[in-house]
Amino acid sequence: MKFNPCIDQCTHDGTHCQGCGRSHEDIIKTKKMVMALVNFAQEKNYDNIKDFSNAVGATLLKKLSAK
């Protein structure tokens, strides 16, 4: 399955968003994961938020590529 990012044309009818095509369940779970990372970074009060974001993204790619 291919990931489709949000294109700011969200719909809430049915089981899938007509904008991005993802299931509403997928969108909810993704938002929860992102908010958990946002909350973590805010709790740590990082001054270099871009570095944190890049490191998380790089680690995610590395771990998924290893499979």
PDB file of N, CA and C in Angstrom:
ATOM      1  N   MET A   1       0.851  -1.177   0.000  1.00  0.00           N
ATOM      2  CA  MET A   1       0.000   0.000   0.000  1.00  0.00           C
ATOM      3  C   MET A   1       0.896   1.239   0.000  1.00  0.00           C
ATOM      4  N   LYS A   2       0.514   2.231  -0.755  1.00  0.00           N
ATOM      5  CA  LYS A   2       1.270   3.472  -0.832  1.00  0.00           C
ATOM      6  C   LYS A   2       0.681   4.496   0.134  1.00  0.00           C
ATOM      7  N   PHE A   3       1.551   5.202   0.854  1.00  0.00           N
ATOM      8  CA  PHE A   3       1.116   6.269   1.750  1.00  0.00           C
ATOM      9  C   PHE A   3       0.825   7.517   0.929  1.00  0.00           C
ATOM     10  N   ASN A   4      -0.311   8.123   1.187  1.00  0.00           N
ATOM     11  CA  ASN A   4      -0.683   9.387   0.553  1.00  0.00           C
ATOM     12  C   ASN A   4      -0.806  10.446   1.640  1.00  0.00           C
ATOM     13  N   PRO A   5      -0.009  11.489   1.573  1.00  0.00           N
ATOM     14  CA  PRO A   5      -0.093  12.546   2.582  1.00  0.00           C
ATOM     15  C   PRO A   5      -1.363  13.378   2.425  1.00  0.00           C
ATOM     16  N   CYS A   6      -1.712  14.070   3.467  1.00  0.00           N
ATOM     17  CA  CYS A   6      -2.867  14.963   3.457  1.00  0.00           C
ATOM     18  C   CYS A   6      -2.651  16.061   2.409  1.00  0.00           C
ATOM     19  N   ILE A   7      -3.721  16.376   1.684  1.00  0.00           N
ATOM     20  CA  ILE A   7      -3.654  17.455   0.696  1.00  0.00           C
ATOM     21  C   ILE A   7      -4.623  18.592   1.059  1.00  0.00           C
ATOM     22  N   ASP A   8      -5.028  18.627   2.311  1.00  0.00           N
ATOM     23  CA  ASP A   8      -5.926  19.667   2.839  1.00  0.00           C
ATOM     24  C   ASP A   8      -7.261  19.738   2.102  1.00  0.00           C
ATOM     25  N   GLN A   9      -7.769  18.585   1.688  1.00  0.00           N
ATOM     26  CA  GLN A   9      -9.106  18.494   1.105  1.00  0.00           C
ATOM     27  C   GLN A   9      -9.850  17.371   1.814  1.00  0.00           C
ATOM     28  N   CYS A  10      -9.850  17.438   3.132  1.00  0.00           N
ATOM     29  CA  CYS A  10     -10.367  16.367   3.983  1.00  0.00           C
ATOM     30  C   CYS A  10     -11.879  16.208   3.865  1.00  0.00           C
ATOM     31  N   THR A  11     -12.307  14.948   3.866  1.00  0.00           N
ATOM     32  CA  THR A  11     -13.723  14.620   3.959  1.00  0.00           C
ATOM     33  C   THR A  11     -13.885  13.627   5.102  1.00  0.00           C
ATOM     34  N   HIS A  12     -15.069  13.588   5.679  1.00  0.00           N
ATOM     35  CA  HIS A  12     -15.297  12.727   6.836  1.00  0.00           C
ATOM     36  C   HIS A  12     -16.393  11.694   6.597  1.00  0.00           C
ATOM     37  N   ASP A  13     -16.975  11.691   5.431  1.00  0.00           N
ATOM     38  CA  ASP A  13     -18.016  10.722   5.100  1.00  0.00           C
ATOM     39  C   ASP A  13     -17.387   9.395   4.702  1.00  0.00           C
ATOM     40  N   GLY A  14     -18.125   8.323   4.920  1.00  0.00           N
ATOM     41  CA  GLY A  14     -17.645   7.002   4.517  1.00  0.00           C
ATOM     42  C   GLY A  14     -16.474   6.515   5.352  1.00  0.00           C
ATOM     43  N   THR A  15     -15.720   5.594   4.802  1.00  0.00           N
ATOM     44  CA  THR A  15     -14.603   4.996   5.541  1.00  0.00           C
ATOM     45  C   THR A  15     -13.270   5.615   5.176  1.00  0.00           C
ATOM     46  N   HIS A  16     -13.215   6.329   4.034  1.00  0.00           N
ATOM     47  CA  HIS A  16     -11.951   6.902   3.564  1.00  0.00           C
ATOM     48  C   HIS A  16     -12.124   8.380   3.223  1.00  0.00           C
ATOM     49  N   CYS A  17     -11.056   9.138   3.420  1.00  0.00           N
ATOM     50  CA  CYS A  17     -11.032  10.544   3.045  1.00  0.00           C
ATOM     51  C   CYS A  17     -10.988  10.633   1.517  1.00  0.00           C
ATOM     52  N   GLN A  18     -11.825  11.459   0.951  1.00  0.00           N
ATOM     53  CA  GLN A  18     -11.821  11.625  -0.505  1.00  0.00           C
ATOM     54  C   GLN A  18     -10.643  12.473  -0.976  1.00  0.00           C
ATOM     55  N   GLY A  19     -10.034  13.222  -0.064  1.00  0.00           N
ATOM     56  CA  GLY A  19      -8.881  14.051  -0.413  1.00  0.00           C
ATOM     57  C   GLY A  19      -7.618  13.237  -0.618  1.00  0.00           C
ATOM     58  N   CYS A  20      -7.227  12.461   0.394  1.00  0.00           N
ATOM     59  CA  CYS A  20      -5.973  11.696   0.326  1.00  0.00           C
ATOM     60  C   CYS A  20      -6.193  10.215   0.056  1.00  0.00           C
ATOM     61  N   GLY A  21      -7.416   9.732   0.271  1.00  0.00           N
ATOM     62  CA  GLY A  21      -7.721   8.330   0.018  1.00  0.00           C
ATOM     63  C   GLY A  21      -7.414   7.391   1.168  1.00  0.00           C
ATOM     64  N   ARG A  22      -6.852   7.920   2.256  1.00  0.00           N
ATOM     65  CA  ARG A  22      -6.535   7.061   3.401  1.00  0.00           C
ATOM     66  C   ARG A  22      -7.787   6.807   4.237  1.00  0.00           C
ATOM     67  N   SER A  23      -7.777   5.702   4.972  1.00  0.00           N
ATOM     68  CA  SER A  23      -8.917   5.409   5.840  1.00  0.00           C
ATOM     69  C   SER A  23      -8.912   6.404   7.002  1.00  0.00           C
ATOM     70  N   HIS A  24     -10.097   6.671   7.504  1.00  0.00           N
ATOM     71  CA  HIS A  24     -10.195   7.593   8.641  1.00  0.00           C
ATOM     72  C   HIS A  24      -9.460   7.031   9.851  1.00  0.00           C
ATOM     73  N   GLU A  25      -9.463   5.700   9.999  1.00  0.00           N
ATOM     74  CA  GLU A  25      -8.733   5.067  11.094  1.00  0.00           C
ATOM     75  C   GLU A  25      -7.232   5.326  10.961  1.00  0.00           C
ATOM     76  N   ASP A  26      -6.696   5.214   9.749  1.00  0.00           N
ATOM     77  CA  ASP A  26      -5.280   5.469   9.500  1.00  0.00           C
ATOM     78  C   ASP A  26      -4.926   6.919   9.836  1.00  0.00           C
ATOM     79  N   ILE A  27      -5.779   7.825   9.418  1.00  0.00           N
ATOM     80  CA  ILE A  27      -5.539   9.247   9.671  1.00  0.00           C
ATOM     81  C   ILE A  27      -5.525   9.532  11.170  1.00  0.00           C
ATOM     82  N   ILE A  28      -6.467   8.969  11.901  1.00  0.00           N
ATOM     83  CA  ILE A  28      -6.537   9.165  13.357  1.00  0.00           C
ATOM     84  C   ILE A  28      -5.291   8.621  14.038  1.00  0.00           C
ATOM     85  N   LYS A  29      -4.871   7.413  13.664  1.00  0.00           N
ATOM     86  CA  LYS A  29      -3.683   6.810  14.277  1.00  0.00           C
ATOM     87  C   LYS A  29      -2.420   7.612  13.963  1.00  0.00           C
ATOM     88  N   THR A  30      -2.316   8.098  12.727  1.00  0.00           N
ATOM     89  CA  THR A  30      -1.153   8.897  12.338  1.00  0.00           C
ATOM     90  C   THR A  30      -1.103  10.195  13.140  1.00  0.00           C
ATOM     91  N   LYS A  31      -2.255  10.840  13.276  1.00  0.00           N
ATOM     92  CA  LYS A  31      -2.307  12.084  14.053  1.00  0.00           C
ATOM     93  C   LYS A  31      -1.909  11.847  15.505  1.00  0.00           C
ATOM     94  N   LYS A  32      -2.322  10.714  16.081  1.00  0.00           N
ATOM     95  CA  LYS A  32      -1.962  10.400  17.471  1.00  0.00           C
ATOM     96  C   LYS A  32      -0.450  10.208  17.614  1.00  0.00           C
ATOM     97  N   MET A  33       0.161   9.513  16.643  1.00  0.00           N
ATOM     98  CA  MET A  33       1.611   9.309  16.700  1.00  0.00           C
ATOM     99  C   MET A  33       2.355  10.632  16.580  1.00  0.00           C
ATOM    100  N   VAL A  34       1.911  11.467  15.655  1.00  0.00           N
ATOM    101  CA  VAL A  34       2.555  12.764  15.463  1.00  0.00           C
ATOM    102  C   VAL A  34       2.404  13.617  16.716  1.00  0.00           C
ATOM    103  N   MET A  35       1.211  13.635  17.291  1.00  0.00           N
ATOM    104  CA  MET A  35       0.996  14.435  18.500  1.00  0.00           C
ATOM    105  C   MET A  35       1.821  13.917  19.666  1.00  0.00           C
ATOM    106  N   ALA A  36       2.051  12.608  19.745  1.00  0.00           N
ATOM    107  CA  ALA A  36       2.906  12.056  20.798  1.00  0.00           C
ATOM    108  C   ALA A  36       4.334  12.586  20.642  1.00  0.00           C
ATOM    109  N   LEU A  37       4.817  12.662  19.403  1.00  0.00           N
ATOM    110  CA  LEU A  37       6.156  13.208  19.168  1.00  0.00           C
ATOM    111  C   LEU A  37       6.210  14.705  19.469  1.00  0.00           C
ATOM    112  N   VAL A  38       5.170  15.426  19.094  1.00  0.00           N
ATOM    113  CA  VAL A  38       5.103  16.856  19.384  1.00  0.00           C
ATOM    114  C   VAL A  38       5.110  17.082  20.895  1.00  0.00           C
ATOM    115  N   ASN A  39       4.290  16.341  21.611  1.00  0.00           N
ATOM    116  CA  ASN A  39       4.225  16.484  23.064  1.00  0.00           C
ATOM    117  C   ASN A  39       5.562  16.151  23.715  1.00  0.00           C
ATOM    118  N   PHE A  40       6.226  15.094  23.228  1.00  0.00           N
ATOM    119  CA  PHE A  40       7.530  14.717  23.769  1.00  0.00           C
ATOM    120  C   PHE A  40       8.542  15.851  23.568  1.00  0.00           C
ATOM    121  N   ALA A  41       8.599  16.386  22.347  1.00  0.00           N
ATOM    122  CA  ALA A  41       9.545  17.463  22.048  1.00  0.00           C
ATOM    123  C   ALA A  41       9.249  18.706  22.876  1.00  0.00           C
ATOM    124  N   GLN A  42       7.963  19.005  23.062  1.00  0.00           N
ATOM    125  CA  GLN A  42       7.597  20.167  23.875  1.00  0.00           C
ATOM    126  C   GLN A  42       7.958  19.964  25.343  1.00  0.00           C
ATOM    127  N   GLU A  43       7.772  18.750  25.853  1.00  0.00           N
ATOM    128  CA  GLU A  43       8.150  18.451  27.241  1.00  0.00           C
ATOM    129  C   GLU A  43       9.652  18.627  27.437  1.00  0.00           C
ATOM    130  N   LYS A  44      10.425  18.234  26.432  1.00  0.00           N
ATOM    131  CA  LYS A  44      11.886  18.355  26.511  1.00  0.00           C
ATOM    132  C   LYS A  44      12.352  19.782  26.263  1.00  0.00           C
ATOM    133  N   ASN A  45      11.457  20.591  25.674  1.00  0.00           N
ATOM    134  CA  ASN A  45      11.762  21.993  25.387  1.00  0.00           C
ATOM    135  C   ASN A  45      13.008  22.134  24.507  1.00  0.00           C
ATOM    136  N   TYR A  46      13.067  21.311  23.462  1.00  0.00           N
ATOM    137  CA  TYR A  46      14.217  21.347  22.558  1.00  0.00           C
ATOM    138  C   TYR A  46      14.315  22.696  21.849  1.00  0.00           C
ATOM    139  N   ASP A  47      15.529  23.230  21.794  1.00  0.00           N
ATOM    140  CA  ASP A  47      15.785  24.461  21.055  1.00  0.00           C
ATOM    141  C   ASP A  47      15.982  24.174  19.566  1.00  0.00           C
ATOM    142  N   ASN A  48      16.409  22.957  19.251  1.00  0.00           N
ATOM    143  CA  ASN A  48      16.730  22.574  17.874  1.00  0.00           C
ATOM    144  C   ASN A  48      15.698  21.572  17.344  1.00  0.00           C
ATOM    145  N   ILE A  49      14.479  22.019  17.209  1.00  0.00           N
ATOM    146  CA  ILE A  49      13.368  21.152  16.836  1.00  0.00           C
ATOM    147  C   ILE A  49      13.543  20.546  15.445  1.00  0.00           C
ATOM    148  N   LYS A  50      14.204  21.281  14.537  1.00  0.00           N
ATOM    149  CA  LYS A  50      14.458  20.716  13.208  1.00  0.00           C
ATOM    150  C   LYS A  50      15.391  19.515  13.305  1.00  0.00           C
ATOM    151  N   ASP A  51      16.397  19.599  14.153  1.00  0.00           N
ATOM    152  CA  ASP A  51      17.317  18.475  14.338  1.00  0.00           C
ATOM    153  C   ASP A  51      16.582  17.267  14.910  1.00  0.00           C
ATOM    154  N   PHE A  52      15.697  17.508  15.877  1.00  0.00           N
ATOM    155  CA  PHE A  52      14.904  16.420  16.451  1.00  0.00           C
ATOM    156  C   PHE A  52      14.033  15.776  15.377  1.00  0.00           C
ATOM    157  N   SER A  53      13.329  16.596  14.611  1.00  0.00           N
ATOM    158  CA  SER A  53      12.449  16.081  13.553  1.00  0.00           C
ATOM    159  C   SER A  53      13.239  15.279  12.523  1.00  0.00           C
ATOM    160  N   ASN A  54      14.372  15.811  12.095  1.00  0.00           N
ATOM    161  CA  ASN A  54      15.203  15.110  11.113  1.00  0.00           C
ATOM    162  C   ASN A  54      15.737  13.799  11.660  1.00  0.00           C
ATOM    163  N   ALA A  55      16.130  13.781  12.926  1.00  0.00           N
ATOM    164  CA  ALA A  55      16.657  12.562  13.545  1.00  0.00           C
ATOM    165  C   ALA A  55      15.573  11.490  13.646  1.00  0.00           C
ATOM    166  N   VAL A  56      14.366  11.884  14.018  1.00  0.00           N
ATOM    167  CA  VAL A  56      13.262  10.925  14.105  1.00  0.00           C
ATOM    168  C   VAL A  56      12.969  10.351  12.724  1.00  0.00           C
ATOM    169  N   GLY A  57      12.897  11.208  11.722  1.00  0.00           N
ATOM    170  CA  GLY A  57      12.641  10.754  10.357  1.00  0.00           C
ATOM    171  C   GLY A  57      13.740   9.824   9.847  1.00  0.00           C
ATOM    172  N   ALA A  58      15.000  10.178  10.103  1.00  0.00           N
ATOM    173  CA  ALA A  58      16.123   9.356   9.657  1.00  0.00           C
ATOM    174  C   ALA A  58      16.120   8.000  10.354  1.00  0.00           C
ATOM    175  N   THR A  59      15.809   7.982  11.640  1.00  0.00           N
ATOM    176  CA  THR A  59      15.753   6.727  12.376  1.00  0.00           C
ATOM    177  C   THR A  59      14.617   5.842  11.869  1.00  0.00           C
ATOM    178  N   LEU A  60      13.497   6.424  11.591  1.00  0.00           N
ATOM    179  CA  LEU A  60      12.361   5.689  11.033  1.00  0.00           C
ATOM    180  C   LEU A  60      12.737   5.050   9.705  1.00  0.00           C
ATOM    181  N   LEU A  61      13.345   5.817   8.817  1.00  0.00           N
ATOM    182  CA  LEU A  61      13.764   5.290   7.522  1.00  0.00           C
ATOM    183  C   LEU A  61      14.790   4.173   7.684  1.00  0.00           C
ATOM    184  N   LYS A  62      15.739   4.348   8.575  1.00  0.00           N
ATOM    185  CA  LYS A  62      16.786   3.345   8.798  1.00  0.00           C
ATOM    186  C   LYS A  62      16.181   2.033   9.296  1.00  0.00           C
ATOM    187  N   LYS A  63      15.287   2.125  10.259  1.00  0.00           N
ATOM    188  CA  LYS A  63      14.685   0.918  10.826  1.00  0.00           C
ATOM    189  C   LYS A  63      13.769   0.210   9.820  1.00  0.00           C
ATOM    190  N   LEU A  64      13.052   0.977   9.016  1.00  0.00           N
ATOM    191  CA  LEU A  64      12.168   0.357   8.023  1.00  0.00           C
ATOM    192  C   LEU A  64      12.968  -0.228   6.865  1.00  0.00           C
ATOM    193  N   SER A  65      14.104   0.372   6.546  1.00  0.00           N
ATOM    194  CA  SER A  65      14.945  -0.142   5.457  1.00  0.00           C
ATOM    195  C   SER A  65      15.657  -1.426   5.842  1.00  0.00           C
ATOM    196  N   ALA A  66      15.832  -1.651   7.139  1.00  0.00           N
ATOM    197  CA  ALA A  66      16.549  -2.827   7.625  1.00  0.00           C
ATOM    198  C   ALA A  66      15.690  -4.075   7.543  1.00  0.00           C
ATOM    199  N   LYS A  67      14.397  -3.927   7.335  1.00  0.00           N
ATOM    200  CA  LYS A  67      13.491  -5.091   7.317  1.00  0.00           C
ATOM    201  C   LYS A  67      13.495  -5.777   5.995  1.00  0.00           C
TER     202      LYS A  67
END
